[in-house]
Amino acid sequence: MLLGGILSMTQYTTLKLTEKLAGEEAIAHAYLQWSDSSQLKATRLSELIQFLNEIEDESACKLIIFWGLNTEQPMMDASPPAFEECSKWEKFLRRLERFPGASIAAIDGYCTRFHFQLALACDYRVATTRSHFQAPEVKEGYLPGMGIFRLAKYTGIGAARRLLFTGSPCSVTEALGLGIVDRACEPEMLDRVIEETQEAFIPIYPEALQNARRLLNESFATDYEDAIGHFLAAQNLCLSQLVEKT
């Protein structure tokens, strides 16, 4: 539902949402208004879940861009999250990874803790040259969610072990080399680079994108003989969808 270009189904307190058109594609811009990234507060989580519900059920958006996945300074010595909130958070991230469209993270500063976990669940990450990435949770006695699982797929186990066990910050240059970041730019160019990135994603065919994402994830643990069967089934579905649209 659109009202003057603003997603207005729900009044949010921790999110600011706008919906814009790029050609014929609707794009949802979600601005996280979190004072820090160290707390998984119930309101933040419930509003993110509600946002995804509305995007999937009431919007034509096929691309989500998350802004504000950063702070000016790293948040250290945070309180551990409640276990029940961890489960809800991971269910949200998994839903985002299965969203019938694409997701982009725009990062301009310190990206740590829950900001970092959300960025890793997105399909593409753009960061400015003043950004840093850090996962200090293991050094504090608990785990950075399934960020452990996602980080290793981008960086390899060796680099992931070093980043997680030491809690050391990672610069944009290193993040690019490790595959954590897909593109870097100067801070004043972030808006323009995000526009270029969204244009590169368009047009979006949800069926093809979802199946490509799934097959890519399965490629780490599936041998070719099994993968070819999965591919052919997915390809048949994608081609059938194209025929229906023509």
Protein backbone atom coordinates (compact mmCIF):
# COMPACT_ATOMS: atom_id res chain seq x y z
CA MET A 1 0.00 0.00 0.00
CA LEU A 2 1.41 3.35 -1.02
CA LEU A 3 0.60 6.81 0.26
CA GLY A 4 2.63 9.51 -1.44
CA GLY A 5 5.57 7.14 -1.89
CA ILE A 6 5.62 6.17 1.79
CA LEU A 7 4.96 2.69 3.12
CA SER A 8 2.22 3.55 5.59
CA MET A 9 0.60 0.29 6.65
CA THR A 10 2.04 0.55 10.16
CA GLN A 11 3.39 3.36 12.29
CA TYR A 12 6.95 2.35 13.16
CA THR A 13 9.18 3.77 15.87
CA THR A 14 12.49 2.07 15.02
CA LEU A 15 12.18 2.14 11.23
CA LYS A 16 11.58 4.77 8.60
CA LEU A 17 10.24 3.36 5.35
CA THR A 18 9.85 4.75 1.87
CA GLU A 19 8.92 3.10 -1.38
CA LYS A 20 10.30 4.43 -4.65
CA LEU A 21 10.05 3.46 -8.28
CA ALA A 22 13.05 2.64 -10.45
CA GLY A 23 11.63 2.21 -13.90
CA GLU A 24 8.74 -0.19 -13.37
CA GLU A 25 10.20 -1.77 -10.23
CA ALA A 26 9.11 -0.76 -6.74
CA ILE A 27 11.94 -0.54 -4.22
CA ALA A 28 11.55 -0.46 -0.44
CA HIS A 29 14.06 1.66 1.50
CA ALA A 30 14.24 0.68 5.16
CA TYR A 31 16.13 3.14 7.38
CA LEU A 32 17.05 1.56 10.71
CA GLN A 33 16.74 4.12 13.46
CA TRP A 34 18.70 2.27 16.12
CA SER A 35 20.87 4.19 18.56
CA ASP A 36 23.24 1.21 18.70
CA SER A 37 23.62 -2.30 17.33
CA SER A 38 24.25 -4.08 20.62
CA GLN A 39 20.70 -4.70 21.78
CA LEU A 40 18.13 -6.97 20.16
CA LYS A 41 15.16 -5.14 21.61
CA ALA A 42 11.67 -6.59 21.28
CA THR A 43 10.30 -3.50 19.52
CA ARG A 44 13.05 -3.50 16.90
CA LEU A 45 12.56 -7.16 16.15
CA SER A 46 8.76 -7.05 16.02
CA GLU A 47 8.84 -4.05 13.67
CA LEU A 48 11.30 -5.74 11.33
CA ILE A 49 9.05 -8.80 11.21
CA GLN A 50 5.98 -6.63 10.59
CA PHE A 51 7.83 -4.77 7.84
CA LEU A 52 8.68 -8.02 6.08
CA ASN A 53 5.11 -9.24 6.45
CA GLU A 54 3.82 -6.13 4.73
CA ILE A 55 6.44 -6.17 1.99
CA GLU A 56 5.57 -9.77 1.15
CA ASP A 57 1.78 -9.46 1.47
CA GLU A 58 0.84 -5.89 0.50
CA SER A 59 3.62 -4.46 -1.64
CA ALA A 60 4.92 -4.98 -5.16
CA CYS A 61 8.50 -4.38 -3.99
CA LYS A 62 11.05 -6.87 -5.28
CA LEU A 63 14.07 -5.09 -3.82
CA ILE A 64 14.76 -4.01 -0.23
CA ILE A 65 17.57 -1.59 0.62
CA PHE A 66 18.58 -1.41 4.29
CA TRP A 67 20.17 1.82 5.48
CA GLY A 68 21.65 2.64 8.87
CA LEU A 69 23.39 -0.68 9.51
CA ASN A 70 26.16 1.21 11.24
CA THR A 71 27.07 3.47 14.16
CA GLU A 72 29.64 6.21 14.57
CA GLN A 73 31.56 4.23 17.18
CA PRO A 74 31.81 0.49 17.90
CA MET A 75 29.63 -0.74 20.75
CA MET A 76 31.72 -2.73 23.22
CA ASP A 77 30.84 -4.68 26.38
CA ALA A 78 27.19 -5.16 25.47
CA SER A 79 24.76 -7.31 27.46
CA PRO A 80 24.11 -10.76 25.95
CA PRO A 81 20.77 -11.10 24.12
CA ALA A 82 17.92 -13.14 25.58
CA PHE A 83 17.82 -16.66 24.13
CA GLU A 84 14.19 -16.45 22.98
CA GLU A 85 14.95 -13.26 21.07
CA CYS A 86 17.87 -14.99 19.32
CA SER A 87 15.49 -17.59 17.90
CA LYS A 88 13.06 -14.94 16.59
CA TRP A 89 15.94 -12.94 15.10
CA GLU A 90 17.28 -15.92 13.17
CA LYS A 91 13.81 -16.73 11.85
CA PHE A 92 13.56 -13.15 10.56
CA LEU A 93 16.99 -13.34 8.88
CA ARG A 94 16.10 -16.66 7.28
CA ARG A 95 12.89 -15.17 5.92
CA LEU A 96 14.89 -12.28 4.50
CA GLU A 97 17.22 -14.75 2.78
CA ARG A 98 14.18 -16.41 1.22
CA PHE A 99 12.48 -13.15 0.26
CA PRO A 100 11.13 -13.37 -3.33
CA GLY A 101 13.34 -10.51 -4.41
CA ALA A 102 16.76 -9.07 -3.60
CA SER A 103 18.19 -7.18 -0.62
CA ILE A 104 21.02 -4.65 -0.40
CA ALA A 105 22.81 -3.35 2.71
CA ALA A 106 24.11 0.25 2.65
CA ILE A 107 26.82 0.73 5.30
CA ASP A 108 28.55 3.95 6.33
CA GLY A 109 30.43 3.53 9.61
CA TYR A 110 31.00 0.80 12.20
CA CYS A 111 28.99 -2.29 11.29
CA THR A 112 28.94 -4.62 14.30
CA ARG A 113 26.76 -7.08 16.18
CA PHE A 114 23.16 -7.21 14.92
CA HIS A 115 23.87 -4.70 12.16
CA PHE A 116 26.64 -6.99 10.89
CA GLN A 117 24.41 -10.06 11.14
CA LEU A 118 21.69 -8.35 9.10
CA ALA A 119 24.20 -7.18 6.49
CA LEU A 120 25.52 -10.73 6.06
CA ALA A 121 21.97 -11.97 5.39
CA CYS A 122 21.51 -9.47 2.53
CA ASP A 123 22.31 -10.39 -1.07
CA TYR A 124 24.69 -7.48 -1.64
CA ARG A 125 26.67 -5.09 0.56
CA VAL A 126 27.89 -1.58 -0.29
CA ALA A 127 30.13 0.15 2.26
CA THR A 128 31.90 3.49 2.43
CA THR A 129 35.64 3.78 2.90
CA ARG A 130 35.18 4.87 6.54
CA SER A 131 33.31 1.69 7.44
CA HIS A 132 34.62 -1.09 9.66
CA PHE A 133 33.24 -4.55 10.44
CA GLN A 134 33.53 -6.34 13.75
CA ALA A 135 32.04 -9.36 15.53
CA PRO A 136 33.16 -9.10 19.20
CA GLU A 137 30.59 -11.52 20.66
CA VAL A 138 32.83 -14.59 21.02
CA LYS A 139 35.30 -12.51 23.03
CA GLU A 140 32.40 -11.65 25.34
CA GLY A 141 31.31 -15.25 25.90
CA TYR A 142 28.44 -15.83 23.47
CA LEU A 143 27.85 -16.28 19.75
CA PRO A 144 27.08 -13.78 16.95
CA GLY A 145 24.03 -15.73 15.83
CA MET A 146 24.19 -17.64 12.58
CA GLY A 147 26.56 -14.93 11.42
CA ILE A 148 29.13 -17.65 12.11
CA PHE A 149 27.57 -19.77 9.36
CA ARG A 150 27.15 -16.90 6.91
CA LEU A 151 30.55 -15.26 7.49
CA ALA A 152 32.48 -18.45 6.79
CA LYS A 153 30.72 -18.87 3.43
CA TYR A 154 32.01 -15.46 2.33
CA THR A 155 35.49 -15.52 3.82
CA GLY A 156 36.43 -19.18 4.25
CA ILE A 157 36.87 -20.86 7.63
CA GLY A 158 40.37 -19.55 8.31
CA ALA A 159 39.52 -15.87 7.98
CA ALA A 160 36.20 -16.33 9.79
CA ARG A 161 37.98 -18.02 12.70
CA ARG A 162 40.43 -15.13 12.99
CA LEU A 163 37.72 -12.45 12.86
CA LEU A 164 35.45 -14.22 15.33
CA PHE A 165 38.03 -15.51 17.81
CA THR A 166 39.95 -12.24 18.06
CA GLY A 167 37.03 -9.86 17.62
CA SER A 168 39.37 -7.64 15.60
CA PRO A 169 37.87 -4.90 13.39
CA CYS A 170 38.05 -5.39 9.65
CA SER A 171 38.61 -2.44 7.31
CA VAL A 172 36.70 -1.97 4.07
CA THR A 173 39.80 -2.86 2.08
CA GLU A 174 40.13 -6.16 3.91
CA ALA A 175 36.36 -6.75 3.76
CA LEU A 176 36.45 -6.36 -0.02
CA GLY A 177 39.26 -8.86 -0.30
CA LEU A 178 37.43 -11.37 1.91
CA GLY A 179 34.13 -11.04 0.06
CA ILE A 180 32.26 -9.47 2.99
CA VAL A 181 31.71 -6.27 0.97
CA ASP A 182 30.76 -6.27 -2.72
CA ARG A 183 31.51 -2.64 -3.47
CA ALA A 184 33.13 0.30 -1.64
CA CYS A 185 32.88 4.04 -2.25
CA GLU A 186 33.56 7.39 -0.66
CA PRO A 187 30.85 8.47 1.83
CA GLU A 188 29.55 11.26 -0.40
CA MET A 189 29.04 8.75 -3.23
CA LEU A 190 26.97 6.22 -1.27
CA ASP A 191 23.58 7.35 -2.60
CA ARG A 192 24.79 7.28 -6.18
CA VAL A 193 26.44 3.86 -5.82
CA ILE A 194 23.27 2.43 -4.29
CA GLU A 195 21.33 3.76 -7.27
CA GLU A 196 23.79 2.10 -9.65
CA THR A 197 23.55 -1.14 -7.68
CA GLN A 198 19.76 -1.24 -7.73
CA GLU A 199 19.81 -0.56 -11.45
CA ALA A 200 22.16 -3.52 -11.90
CA PHE A 201 19.66 -5.80 -10.10
CA ILE A 202 16.70 -4.72 -12.23
CA PRO A 203 14.73 -6.39 -13.73
CA ILE A 204 14.11 -8.90 -10.95
CA TYR A 205 12.45 -12.23 -11.68
CA PRO A 206 11.61 -13.59 -8.21
CA GLU A 207 11.42 -17.25 -9.23
CA ALA A 208 14.81 -17.18 -10.94
CA LEU A 209 16.45 -15.16 -8.15
CA GLN A 210 15.15 -17.39 -5.34
CA ASN A 211 16.25 -20.56 -7.10
CA ALA A 212 19.65 -19.13 -8.01
CA ARG A 213 20.18 -18.14 -4.35
CA ARG A 214 19.14 -21.61 -3.16
CA LEU A 215 21.34 -23.45 -5.65
CA LEU A 216 24.31 -21.25 -4.75
CA ASN A 217 23.88 -22.08 -1.06
CA GLU A 218 23.50 -25.78 -1.81
CA SER A 219 26.67 -25.77 -3.95
CA PHE A 220 28.80 -25.86 -0.78
CA ALA A 221 27.40 -29.21 0.33
CA THR A 222 25.81 -30.89 -2.72
CA ASP A 223 27.65 -33.00 -5.27
CA TYR A 224 27.08 -32.48 -8.99
CA GLU A 225 24.86 -35.54 -9.47
CA ASP A 226 22.36 -34.24 -6.92
CA ALA A 227 22.76 -30.60 -7.95
CA ILE A 228 21.89 -31.26 -11.61
CA GLY A 229 18.52 -32.67 -10.60
CA HIS A 230 17.79 -29.65 -8.40
CA PHE A 231 18.85 -27.33 -11.23
CA LEU A 232 16.64 -28.99 -13.84
CA ALA A 233 13.59 -28.85 -11.57
CA ALA A 234 14.25 -25.18 -10.81
CA GLN A 235 14.91 -24.35 -14.47
CA ASN A 236 11.63 -25.96 -15.52
CA LEU A 237 9.79 -23.83 -12.96
CA CYS A 238 11.52 -20.61 -14.08
CA LEU A 239 10.87 -21.24 -17.77
CA SER A 240 7.24 -22.08 -17.05
CA GLN A 241 6.86 -18.74 -15.24
CA LEU A 242 8.33 -16.91 -18.25
CA VAL A 243 5.90 -18.63 -20.62
CA GLU A 244 2.96 -17.60 -18.43
CA LYS A 245 4.04 -13.93 -18.59
CA THR A 246 4.35 -13.87 -22.40
